């Protein structure tokens, strides 16, 4: 391929990264908001958030993307292709992420919740100071998988004529007729982006685990050790009741 075609692919890769970042930011906000709400004591809150999760997990992100781009203008709203893709992917993957958040919060030992209650923490303080610091490290590996799936899902946006990597690759193939070289190149580009994302997520995972006193052994396992205040680790509430 010639230089201008490579420039076309790199331009598409940049749009893909933008779409992934915007969608991931929306998905993270949805995941934490819905996931925490699903642990609420109010049945109406659990019902409404559960309905959201079931709806967006059971519908196609591609069809939702088409609806936002082609059908929403009938109601007086016109979204640009990039934002229609961002909204569709963010809402869909946010529903999956909310289950990760809910599961991680419920996996926090009951003794930690009881200790926070004994310390007279408000529900928000319990969530912010006790539950989330211990749950976030457990969320990181599944969040990494979801982010990689989101990266691959950005290819759906090519059907809205957004100039992301897959769309630009299609143009390059039509210009050169070199299907193997063009699609082989974008496979490699997707892999490189996914590899970099994985490295960043694993770095964040190590830092999150270190913040709650978990140390990494050479075999890759994380072992919980005592938190040492003043050395970057947050002290966590331990025990089922106050002393």
Protein backbone atom coordinates (compact mmCIF):
# COMPACT_ATOMS: atom_id res chain seq x y z
CA UNK A 1 0.00 0.00 0.00
CA UNK A 2 1.09 3.56 -0.63
CA UNK A 3 1.76 6.23 1.96
CA UNK A 4 -1.62 7.98 1.60
CA UNK A 5 -3.44 4.69 2.24
CA UNK A 6 -1.42 4.07 5.38
CA UNK A 7 -2.26 7.60 6.46
CA UNK A 8 -5.91 6.73 5.89
CA UNK A 9 -5.64 3.68 8.16
CA UNK A 10 -3.85 5.59 10.92
CA UNK A 11 -6.50 8.30 10.75
CA UNK A 12 -9.15 5.59 11.14
CA UNK A 13 -7.23 4.09 14.09
CA UNK A 14 -7.29 7.48 15.82
CA UNK A 15 -11.07 7.74 15.37
CA UNK A 16 -11.40 4.18 16.74
CA UNK A 17 -9.42 5.12 19.84
CA UNK A 18 -11.58 8.22 20.34
CA UNK A 19 -14.76 6.19 19.98
CA UNK A 20 -13.45 3.60 22.44
CA UNK A 21 -12.45 6.23 25.03
CA UNK A 22 -15.75 8.14 24.82
CA UNK A 23 -17.80 4.94 24.97
CA UNK A 24 -15.71 3.55 27.84
CA UNK A 25 -16.18 6.77 29.86
CA UNK A 26 -19.95 6.59 29.40
CA UNK A 27 -20.00 2.86 30.09
CA UNK A 28 -17.99 3.34 33.32
CA UNK A 29 -20.39 6.02 34.55
CA UNK A 30 -23.38 3.81 33.76
CA UNK A 31 -21.74 0.72 35.26
CA UNK A 32 -20.96 2.33 38.60
CA UNK A 33 -24.25 4.21 38.80
CA UNK A 34 -26.46 1.25 37.93
CA UNK A 35 -24.27 -1.30 39.72
CA UNK A 36 -24.33 0.58 43.02
CA UNK A 37 -28.06 1.29 42.67
CA UNK A 38 -28.73 -2.43 42.25
CA UNK A 39 -27.49 -2.99 45.79
CA UNK A 40 -30.02 -0.48 47.17
CA UNK A 41 -32.46 -1.50 49.89
CA UNK A 42 -35.33 0.12 47.95
CA UNK A 43 -37.09 -2.45 45.78
CA UNK A 44 -38.21 0.16 43.23
CA UNK A 45 -34.60 1.22 42.65
CA UNK A 46 -33.52 -2.41 42.22
CA UNK A 47 -36.46 -3.05 39.88
CA UNK A 48 -35.79 -0.04 37.62
CA UNK A 49 -32.06 -0.64 37.40
CA UNK A 50 -32.64 -4.36 36.82
CA UNK A 51 -35.02 -3.50 33.97
CA UNK A 52 -32.34 -1.29 32.43
CA UNK A 53 -29.76 -4.08 32.60
CA UNK A 54 -32.10 -6.67 31.12
CA UNK A 55 -33.15 -4.36 28.29
CA UNK A 56 -29.68 -3.33 27.16
CA UNK A 57 -28.19 -6.80 27.63
CA UNK A 58 -31.01 -8.30 25.57
CA UNK A 59 -30.90 -5.88 22.65
CA UNK A 60 -28.37 -5.53 19.86
CA UNK A 61 -25.88 -2.67 20.10
CA UNK A 62 -25.95 -2.45 16.30
CA UNK A 63 -29.73 -2.10 16.16
CA UNK A 64 -29.59 0.50 18.94
CA UNK A 65 -26.96 2.35 16.96
CA UNK A 66 -29.18 2.33 13.87
CA UNK A 67 -32.16 3.51 15.95
CA UNK A 68 -30.23 6.43 17.43
CA UNK A 69 -28.85 7.47 14.06
CA UNK A 70 -31.80 6.86 11.72
CA UNK A 71 -34.95 6.79 13.89
CA UNK A 72 -34.22 9.39 16.56
CA UNK A 73 -34.34 12.27 14.02
CA UNK A 74 -38.05 11.46 13.55
CA UNK A 75 -38.53 12.79 17.11
CA UNK A 76 -36.58 15.96 16.43
CA UNK A 77 -33.14 14.84 17.62
CA UNK A 78 -30.23 14.46 15.21
CA UNK A 79 -27.03 12.87 16.51
CA UNK A 80 -23.74 12.84 14.65
CA UNK A 81 -22.55 9.35 13.77
CA UNK A 82 -19.72 9.42 16.32
CA UNK A 83 -22.06 10.34 19.16
CA UNK A 84 -24.73 7.86 18.11
CA UNK A 85 -22.08 5.14 18.18
CA UNK A 86 -20.74 6.36 21.52
CA UNK A 87 -24.19 6.39 23.10
CA UNK A 88 -25.13 2.95 21.78
CA UNK A 89 -21.88 1.31 22.85
CA UNK A 90 -21.71 3.12 26.19
CA UNK A 91 -25.25 2.20 27.21
CA UNK A 92 -24.89 -1.40 26.07
CA UNK A 93 -21.51 -2.14 27.64
CA UNK A 94 -22.45 -0.13 30.72
CA UNK A 95 -25.22 -2.68 31.35
CA UNK A 96 -22.67 -5.50 31.32
CA UNK A 97 -20.29 -3.50 33.50
CA UNK A 98 -23.01 -2.81 36.07
CA UNK A 99 -23.23 -6.53 36.78
CA UNK A 100 -19.47 -6.58 37.38
CA UNK A 101 -19.84 -3.71 39.86
CA UNK A 102 -22.80 -5.33 41.62
CA UNK A 103 -21.05 -8.68 41.92
CA UNK A 104 -17.85 -7.12 43.26
CA UNK A 105 -19.74 -5.09 45.86
CA UNK A 106 -21.68 -8.12 47.03
CA UNK A 107 -18.43 -10.10 47.28
CA UNK A 108 -17.08 -7.77 49.96
CA UNK A 109 -17.19 -9.75 53.25
CA UNK A 110 -20.25 -9.04 55.39
CA UNK A 111 -17.95 -8.36 58.34
CA UNK A 112 -16.68 -5.26 56.58
CA UNK A 113 -20.23 -3.91 56.21
CA UNK A 114 -21.01 -4.69 59.85
CA UNK A 115 -17.85 -2.94 61.01
CA UNK A 116 -18.74 0.15 58.98
CA UNK A 117 -22.21 0.18 60.54
CA UNK A 118 -20.64 -0.19 63.99
CA UNK A 119 -18.51 2.87 63.23
CA UNK A 120 -21.73 4.77 62.47
CA UNK A 121 -20.86 5.38 58.82
CA UNK A 122 -23.64 6.67 56.60
CA UNK A 123 -24.57 4.49 53.58
CA UNK A 124 -22.54 6.75 51.28
CA UNK A 125 -19.54 6.64 53.62
CA UNK A 126 -19.78 2.84 53.77
CA UNK A 127 -19.81 2.72 49.98
CA UNK A 128 -16.99 5.23 49.49
CA UNK A 129 -14.63 4.29 52.33
CA UNK A 130 -15.18 0.56 52.80
CA UNK A 131 -16.98 -1.19 49.94
CA UNK A 132 -15.62 0.47 46.80
CA UNK A 133 -11.93 0.44 47.83
CA UNK A 134 -12.15 -3.33 48.31
CA UNK A 135 -14.43 -4.04 45.35
CA UNK A 136 -12.61 -2.01 42.67
CA UNK A 137 -9.52 -4.30 42.53
CA UNK A 138 -11.82 -7.26 41.89
CA UNK A 139 -13.54 -5.37 39.06
CA UNK A 140 -10.37 -4.67 37.10
CA UNK A 141 -9.88 -8.03 35.28
CA UNK A 142 -13.50 -8.24 33.99
CA UNK A 143 -13.40 -4.53 33.15
CA UNK A 144 -10.28 -5.23 31.09
CA UNK A 145 -12.16 -7.90 29.13
CA UNK A 146 -15.14 -5.58 28.61
CA UNK A 147 -12.87 -2.80 27.37
CA UNK A 148 -11.29 -5.11 24.80
CA UNK A 149 -14.76 -6.22 23.69
CA UNK A 150 -15.74 -2.56 23.44
CA UNK A 151 -12.71 -1.88 21.26
CA UNK A 152 -13.77 -4.63 18.87
CA UNK A 153 -17.37 -3.40 19.03
CA UNK A 154 -16.33 -0.02 17.62
CA UNK A 155 -16.16 -1.72 14.21
CA UNK A 156 -19.99 -1.66 14.21
CA UNK A 157 -19.81 2.11 13.84
CA UNK A 158 -18.41 1.66 10.32
CA UNK A 159 -21.99 0.91 9.22
CA UNK A 160 -22.88 4.52 10.11
CA UNK A 161 -20.13 5.71 7.75
CA UNK A 162 -17.99 6.87 10.67
CA UNK A 163 -14.38 7.12 9.53
CA UNK A 164 -13.04 4.61 12.06
CA UNK A 165 -10.50 1.88 11.31
CA UNK A 166 -12.80 -0.68 9.69
CA UNK A 167 -14.50 1.93 7.50
CA UNK A 168 -11.20 3.38 6.31
CA UNK A 169 -9.90 -0.14 5.65
CA UNK A 170 -12.90 -0.75 3.41
CA UNK A 171 -12.04 2.38 1.43
CA UNK A 172 -8.41 1.30 1.17
CA UNK A 173 -9.45 -2.14 -0.09
CA UNK A 174 -11.70 -0.60 -2.73
CA UNK A 175 -8.82 1.62 -3.85
CA UNK A 176 -6.18 -1.10 -4.07
CA UNK A 177 -8.05 -4.39 -4.29
CA UNK A 178 -5.51 -5.81 -1.80
CA UNK A 179 -7.91 -7.43 0.66
CA UNK A 180 -5.35 -9.63 2.41
CA UNK A 181 -2.86 -6.84 3.01
CA UNK A 182 -5.45 -4.26 4.10
CA UNK A 183 -7.39 -6.49 6.47
CA UNK A 184 -4.22 -8.12 7.76
CA UNK A 185 -2.91 -4.65 8.60
CA UNK A 186 -5.98 -3.62 10.56
CA UNK A 187 -5.98 -6.95 12.43
CA UNK A 188 -2.48 -6.08 13.60
CA UNK A 189 -3.54 -2.52 14.47
CA UNK A 190 -6.47 -3.76 16.56
CA UNK A 191 -4.11 -6.16 18.33
CA UNK A 192 -1.62 -3.38 19.13
CA UNK A 193 -4.36 -1.14 20.56
CA UNK A 194 -5.78 -4.02 22.61
CA UNK A 195 -2.31 -4.92 23.89
CA UNK A 196 -1.66 -1.35 25.05
CA UNK A 197 -5.08 -1.19 26.72
CA UNK A 198 -4.36 -4.45 28.55
CA UNK A 199 -1.01 -3.15 29.80
CA UNK A 200 -2.64 0.01 31.15
CA UNK A 201 -5.46 -1.92 32.81
CA UNK A 202 -3.04 -4.32 34.49
CA UNK A 203 -1.05 -1.38 35.81
CA UNK A 204 -4.25 0.08 37.26
CA UNK A 205 -5.11 -3.32 38.72
CA UNK A 206 -1.76 -3.57 40.50
CA UNK A 207 -2.17 -0.09 41.93
CA UNK A 208 -5.74 -0.79 43.03
CA UNK A 209 -4.70 -3.99 44.78
CA UNK A 210 -1.73 -2.30 46.41
CA UNK A 211 -4.04 0.41 47.77
CA UNK A 212 -5.89 -2.20 49.85
CA UNK A 213 -2.75 -3.97 51.04
CA UNK A 214 -2.55 -6.77 48.49
CA UNK A 215 0.96 -7.58 47.29
CA UNK A 216 1.83 -9.38 44.07
CA UNK A 217 3.96 -12.51 44.24
CA UNK A 218 6.29 -13.54 41.44
CA UNK A 219 3.80 -16.11 40.16
CA UNK A 220 1.29 -13.31 39.54
CA UNK A 221 -0.97 -14.04 42.52
CA UNK A 222 -2.10 -11.26 44.82
CA UNK A 223 -1.89 -11.93 48.56
CA UNK A 224 -3.58 -9.69 51.09
CA UNK A 225 -1.22 -8.18 53.60
CA UNK A 226 -1.60 -5.56 56.29
CA UNK A 227 -2.22 -2.03 55.07
CA UNK A 228 0.50 0.36 56.16
CA UNK A 229 -0.75 3.94 56.56
CA UNK A 230 1.65 6.48 55.18
CA UNK A 231 3.03 4.20 52.46
CA UNK A 232 0.32 4.70 49.88
CA UNK A 233 -1.99 1.97 51.18
CA UNK A 234 -5.40 2.83 52.50
CA UNK A 235 -6.35 1.37 55.87
CA UNK A 236 -9.47 -0.74 55.55
CA UNK A 237 -12.10 -1.61 58.09
CA UNK A 238 -11.50 -5.08 59.51
CA UNK A 239 -13.67 -7.12 61.80
CA UNK A 240 -17.34 -7.56 62.43
CA UNK A 241 -17.74 -5.06 65.23
CA UNK A 242 -16.02 -2.29 67.08
CA UNK A 243 -13.56 -2.98 69.82
